[in-house]
């Protein structure tokens, strides 16, 4: 039984205050502290996660899921494609739309129906592709610090990814006011830079003891970037190909080849 004479026994915690704010305004106020400290005090947030401290911050995984979903919401709002569809070939030439229409007509397919199936398949497999693209990072983190569990390395990966999302998403939203592809590319570049900066900061606190060690381990992660793009790109292409073959008895590869041939004419 707790001793009621001890002053600490009746002192409200920060989590209690957050719960009250959540009940009153419907917002978990830890989200603001978590976002700020994720950007400014990245190693501190990771250490709190390792210690199981949820008084100050919301779980890293929870924030990742929020930002991950928000990413696709913003992409859909500003018009950035979230899946490989026939629309990606329309802008490749002046007659791009006619090229796609001609191919679809030859194959006896309806463009809207095809695109809906491709988008549905992409939405169902995006989680799988995200997991696959994360595996190289988890493996190299494990190699850097073998005694830490894979869950601990997962928290490292998700935290640094959260940093890139927090930086990238506001920039990508500016696509509403200009060329969406330009702003999207800018946001991607800035987000990638933010990711590697955050990774280096985490390495300096949890994975390396010297500056040289931080540099070499960060370079090792940078080398994985092309592999990540390759996994995601090939994965999306494979999903599109399988979707067309299974549901429409057609080939996304044929559409890609046809588009290139017509574009070169």
Protein backbone atom coordinates (compact mmCIF):
# COMPACT_ATOMS: atom_id res chain seq x y z
CA UNK A 1 0.00 0.00 0.00
CA UNK A 2 1.30 3.47 -0.85
CA UNK A 3 2.25 5.79 2.00
CA UNK A 4 -0.13 8.76 1.83
CA UNK A 5 2.28 10.82 3.93
CA UNK A 6 4.81 10.89 1.10
CA UNK A 7 4.36 14.04 -1.01
CA UNK A 8 5.35 12.22 -4.22
CA UNK A 9 2.42 9.87 -3.77
CA UNK A 10 -0.15 12.54 -4.66
CA UNK A 11 1.88 14.60 -7.10
CA UNK A 12 0.45 14.55 -10.65
CA UNK A 13 2.78 13.43 -13.39
CA UNK A 14 3.27 14.93 -16.82
CA UNK A 15 1.32 12.01 -18.27
CA UNK A 16 -1.63 12.93 -16.04
CA UNK A 17 -1.59 16.49 -17.39
CA UNK A 18 -1.45 15.17 -20.95
CA UNK A 19 -4.40 12.87 -20.28
CA UNK A 20 -6.46 15.79 -18.96
CA UNK A 21 -5.59 17.91 -22.01
CA UNK A 22 -6.45 15.00 -24.27
CA UNK A 23 -9.84 14.63 -22.61
CA UNK A 24 -10.59 18.37 -22.75
CA UNK A 25 -9.44 19.31 -26.26
CA UNK A 26 -9.13 15.92 -27.90
CA UNK A 27 -5.39 16.32 -28.56
CA UNK A 28 -2.57 14.42 -26.92
CA UNK A 29 -0.27 17.32 -26.13
CA UNK A 30 2.73 15.00 -26.10
CA UNK A 31 2.58 15.08 -29.90
CA UNK A 32 3.92 18.66 -29.99
CA UNK A 33 6.78 17.88 -27.62
CA UNK A 34 7.52 14.68 -29.50
CA UNK A 35 7.69 16.41 -32.89
CA UNK A 36 9.91 19.21 -31.57
CA UNK A 37 12.30 16.93 -29.71
CA UNK A 38 12.40 14.47 -32.60
CA UNK A 39 13.84 17.29 -34.70
CA UNK A 40 15.97 19.06 -32.09
CA UNK A 41 16.85 16.37 -29.53
CA UNK A 42 16.70 13.18 -31.61
CA UNK A 43 18.98 11.01 -29.42
CA UNK A 44 16.99 12.02 -26.33
CA UNK A 45 13.75 10.71 -27.85
CA UNK A 46 15.43 7.43 -28.74
CA UNK A 47 16.82 7.03 -25.23
CA UNK A 48 13.36 7.65 -23.77
CA UNK A 49 11.96 4.94 -26.05
CA UNK A 50 14.65 2.49 -24.93
CA UNK A 51 13.76 3.22 -21.31
CA UNK A 52 10.03 2.80 -21.96
CA UNK A 53 9.34 6.40 -20.92
CA UNK A 54 5.93 7.44 -22.24
CA UNK A 55 5.39 10.36 -19.90
CA UNK A 56 7.16 12.82 -22.20
CA UNK A 57 6.72 11.41 -25.70
CA UNK A 58 4.23 9.40 -27.67
CA UNK A 59 5.64 6.09 -28.95
CA UNK A 60 7.93 6.36 -31.97
CA UNK A 61 5.91 3.75 -33.85
CA UNK A 62 2.68 5.67 -33.27
CA UNK A 63 4.16 8.89 -34.66
CA UNK A 64 5.54 7.00 -37.64
CA UNK A 65 2.12 5.58 -38.50
CA UNK A 66 0.57 9.06 -38.30
CA UNK A 67 3.23 10.62 -40.54
CA UNK A 68 3.20 7.65 -42.91
CA UNK A 69 -0.54 8.05 -43.48
CA UNK A 70 -0.27 11.83 -43.70
CA UNK A 71 2.32 11.45 -46.44
CA UNK A 72 -0.14 9.73 -48.75
CA UNK A 73 -2.92 12.15 -47.84
CA UNK A 74 -0.74 15.10 -48.89
CA UNK A 75 0.40 13.32 -52.05
CA UNK A 76 -3.20 12.67 -53.04
CA UNK A 77 -4.18 16.28 -52.24
CA UNK A 78 -1.43 17.88 -54.35
CA UNK A 79 -1.75 15.37 -57.17
CA UNK A 80 1.44 13.33 -56.72
CA UNK A 81 0.87 9.75 -57.97
CA UNK A 82 0.79 7.21 -55.16
CA UNK A 83 0.88 4.20 -57.47
CA UNK A 84 2.04 3.14 -60.91
CA UNK A 85 -0.96 3.71 -63.17
CA UNK A 86 -1.55 4.45 -66.84
CA UNK A 87 -1.58 8.16 -65.94
CA UNK A 88 2.21 8.11 -65.48
CA UNK A 89 2.62 7.71 -69.25
CA UNK A 90 0.26 10.50 -70.27
CA UNK A 91 2.72 13.38 -69.86
CA UNK A 92 5.69 11.72 -71.56
CA UNK A 93 4.86 13.13 -75.00
CA UNK A 94 2.35 15.45 -76.63
CA UNK A 95 0.35 12.46 -77.72
CA UNK A 96 0.91 10.58 -74.45
CA UNK A 97 -2.77 10.37 -73.63
CA UNK A 98 -3.57 9.11 -77.11
CA UNK A 99 -0.78 6.53 -76.86
CA UNK A 100 -2.24 5.11 -73.66
CA UNK A 101 -5.78 5.19 -75.04
CA UNK A 102 -4.63 3.39 -78.19
CA UNK A 103 -2.89 0.66 -76.21
CA UNK A 104 -5.88 0.21 -73.90
CA UNK A 105 -8.24 0.04 -76.85
CA UNK A 106 -6.04 -2.57 -78.51
CA UNK A 107 -6.06 -4.62 -75.31
CA UNK A 108 -9.80 -4.08 -74.83
CA UNK A 109 -9.35 -2.36 -71.46
CA UNK A 110 -11.06 0.55 -69.71
CA UNK A 111 -8.52 3.08 -68.37
CA UNK A 112 -10.48 4.06 -65.26
CA UNK A 113 -11.03 0.44 -64.29
CA UNK A 114 -7.37 -0.42 -64.86
CA UNK A 115 -6.15 2.55 -62.80
CA UNK A 116 -8.53 1.73 -59.95
CA UNK A 117 -7.20 -1.83 -59.79
CA UNK A 118 -3.59 -0.61 -59.89
CA UNK A 119 -4.21 1.92 -57.11
CA UNK A 120 -6.03 -0.66 -55.00
CA UNK A 121 -3.20 -3.17 -55.39
CA UNK A 122 -0.61 -0.51 -54.53
CA UNK A 123 -2.47 0.50 -51.36
CA UNK A 124 -2.65 -3.14 -50.25
CA UNK A 125 1.06 -3.78 -50.78
CA UNK A 126 2.61 -0.48 -49.65
CA UNK A 127 3.11 -1.79 -46.10
CA UNK A 128 4.93 -4.87 -47.41
CA UNK A 129 7.20 -2.73 -49.60
CA UNK A 130 7.90 -0.43 -46.66
CA UNK A 131 8.95 -3.40 -44.53
CA UNK A 132 11.15 -4.81 -47.30
CA UNK A 133 12.86 -1.46 -47.88
CA UNK A 134 13.59 -1.19 -44.15
CA UNK A 135 15.30 -4.58 -43.89
CA UNK A 136 18.73 -3.45 -45.20
CA UNK A 137 18.81 -0.68 -42.58
CA UNK A 138 17.85 -3.03 -39.76
CA UNK A 139 20.55 -5.47 -40.81
CA UNK A 140 23.28 -2.84 -40.95
CA UNK A 141 22.15 -1.38 -37.60
CA UNK A 142 22.38 -4.89 -36.17
CA UNK A 143 25.89 -5.23 -37.58
CA UNK A 144 26.86 -1.92 -35.99
CA UNK A 145 25.53 -2.93 -32.57
CA UNK A 146 24.89 -6.71 -32.41
CA UNK A 147 23.82 -6.84 -28.76
CA UNK A 148 20.83 -4.58 -29.30
CA UNK A 149 17.57 -6.28 -30.25
CA UNK A 150 16.00 -5.88 -33.68
CA UNK A 151 13.18 -4.00 -31.99
CA UNK A 152 15.69 -1.47 -30.67
CA UNK A 153 17.12 -1.05 -34.16
CA UNK A 154 13.59 -0.71 -35.52
CA UNK A 155 13.03 2.22 -33.15
CA UNK A 156 16.23 3.81 -34.46
CA UNK A 157 15.09 3.42 -38.06
CA UNK A 158 11.58 4.73 -37.41
CA UNK A 159 12.81 7.69 -35.37
CA UNK A 160 15.20 8.89 -38.07
CA UNK A 161 12.50 8.29 -40.67
CA UNK A 162 10.14 10.44 -38.59
CA UNK A 163 12.67 13.27 -38.77
CA UNK A 164 12.67 13.10 -42.56
CA UNK A 165 8.85 13.03 -42.66
CA UNK A 166 8.53 16.02 -40.33
CA UNK A 167 10.82 18.03 -42.61
CA UNK A 168 9.53 16.67 -45.90
CA UNK A 169 5.75 16.82 -45.51
CA UNK A 170 5.38 20.60 -45.00
CA UNK A 171 7.58 21.22 -48.05
CA UNK A 172 5.60 18.81 -50.23
CA UNK A 173 2.41 20.65 -49.23
CA UNK A 174 3.78 23.76 -50.99
CA UNK A 175 3.16 21.92 -54.25
CA UNK A 176 -0.36 23.35 -54.05
CA UNK A 177 1.09 26.78 -54.90
CA UNK A 178 3.39 25.74 -57.74
CA UNK A 179 4.69 22.89 -59.84
CA UNK A 180 3.96 19.85 -57.69
CA UNK A 181 6.77 17.70 -59.08
CA UNK A 182 9.38 20.41 -58.40
CA UNK A 183 8.25 20.83 -54.81
CA UNK A 184 7.99 17.07 -54.38
CA UNK A 185 11.58 16.56 -55.54
CA UNK A 186 12.77 19.40 -53.27
CA UNK A 187 10.95 17.89 -50.31
CA UNK A 188 12.44 14.46 -51.05
CA UNK A 189 15.99 15.82 -51.24
CA UNK A 190 15.63 17.86 -48.04
CA UNK A 191 13.96 14.91 -46.30
CA UNK A 192 16.79 12.56 -47.26
CA UNK A 193 19.39 15.03 -46.00
CA UNK A 194 17.47 15.40 -42.73
CA UNK A 195 17.36 11.60 -42.40
CA UNK A 196 21.12 11.22 -42.69
CA UNK A 197 21.78 14.12 -40.31
CA UNK A 198 19.44 12.53 -37.75
CA UNK A 199 21.10 9.16 -38.31
CA UNK A 200 24.55 10.63 -37.66
CA UNK A 201 23.30 12.26 -34.45
CA UNK A 202 21.81 8.98 -33.23
CA UNK A 203 25.00 7.11 -34.14
CA UNK A 204 27.07 9.59 -32.14
CA UNK A 205 25.03 8.78 -29.02
CA UNK A 206 24.12 5.11 -29.42
CA UNK A 207 26.20 3.40 -32.11
CA UNK A 208 29.70 4.90 -32.19
CA UNK A 209 32.26 6.26 -29.74
CA UNK A 210 34.40 8.34 -32.10
CA UNK A 211 33.78 10.95 -34.78
CA UNK A 212 35.45 8.71 -37.36
CA UNK A 213 33.15 5.87 -36.36
CA UNK A 214 30.08 8.09 -36.80
CA UNK A 215 31.27 9.18 -40.26
CA UNK A 216 31.98 5.67 -41.53
CA UNK A 217 28.77 4.20 -40.12
CA UNK A 218 26.71 7.03 -41.61
CA UNK A 219 28.39 6.50 -44.98
CA UNK A 220 27.41 2.85 -44.73
CA UNK A 221 23.78 3.88 -44.38
CA UNK A 222 24.05 6.35 -47.28
CA UNK A 223 25.22 3.49 -49.52
CA UNK A 224 21.91 1.75 -48.81
CA UNK A 225 19.86 4.58 -50.36
CA UNK A 226 20.03 3.27 -53.97
CA UNK A 227 19.10 -0.19 -52.69
CA UNK A 228 16.02 1.30 -51.01
CA UNK A 229 14.90 3.01 -54.22
CA UNK A 230 15.54 -0.20 -56.14
CA UNK A 231 13.46 -2.30 -53.75
CA UNK A 232 10.54 0.14 -53.80
CA UNK A 233 10.70 0.76 -57.56
CA UNK A 234 10.95 -2.90 -58.55
CA UNK A 235 8.32 -3.79 -55.98
CA UNK A 236 5.83 -1.26 -57.34
CA UNK A 237 6.54 -2.37 -60.90
CA UNK A 238 6.06 -6.03 -59.95
CA UNK A 239 2.75 -5.23 -58.24
CA UNK A 240 1.52 -3.34 -61.32
CA UNK A 241 2.60 -6.16 -63.62
CA UNK A 242 0.92 -8.87 -61.53
CA UNK A 243 -2.26 -6.79 -61.19
CA UNK A 244 -2.65 -6.34 -64.94
CA UNK A 245 -1.86 -9.99 -65.66
CA UNK A 246 -4.22 -11.38 -63.02
CA UNK A 247 -7.20 -9.06 -63.47
CA UNK A 248 -6.92 -7.90 -67.08
CA UNK A 249 -4.75 -10.47 -68.88
CA UNK A 250 -2.43 -7.65 -69.96
CA UNK A 251 1.13 -6.58 -69.21
CA UNK A 252 2.42 -3.41 -67.61
CA UNK A 253 5.76 -4.14 -69.27
CA UNK A 254 4.06 -4.06 -72.68
CA UNK A 255 2.49 -0.70 -71.85
CA UNK A 256 5.87 0.63 -70.74
CA UNK A 257 7.57 -0.66 -73.90
CA UNK A 258 4.80 0.70 -76.14
CA UNK A 259 5.01 4.12 -74.50
CA UNK A 260 8.77 4.27 -75.06
CA UNK A 261 8.42 3.23 -78.69
CA UNK A 262 5.74 5.82 -79.43
CA UNK A 263 7.70 8.49 -77.57
CA UNK A 264 10.81 7.86 -79.69
CA UNK A 265 8.90 8.28 -82.95
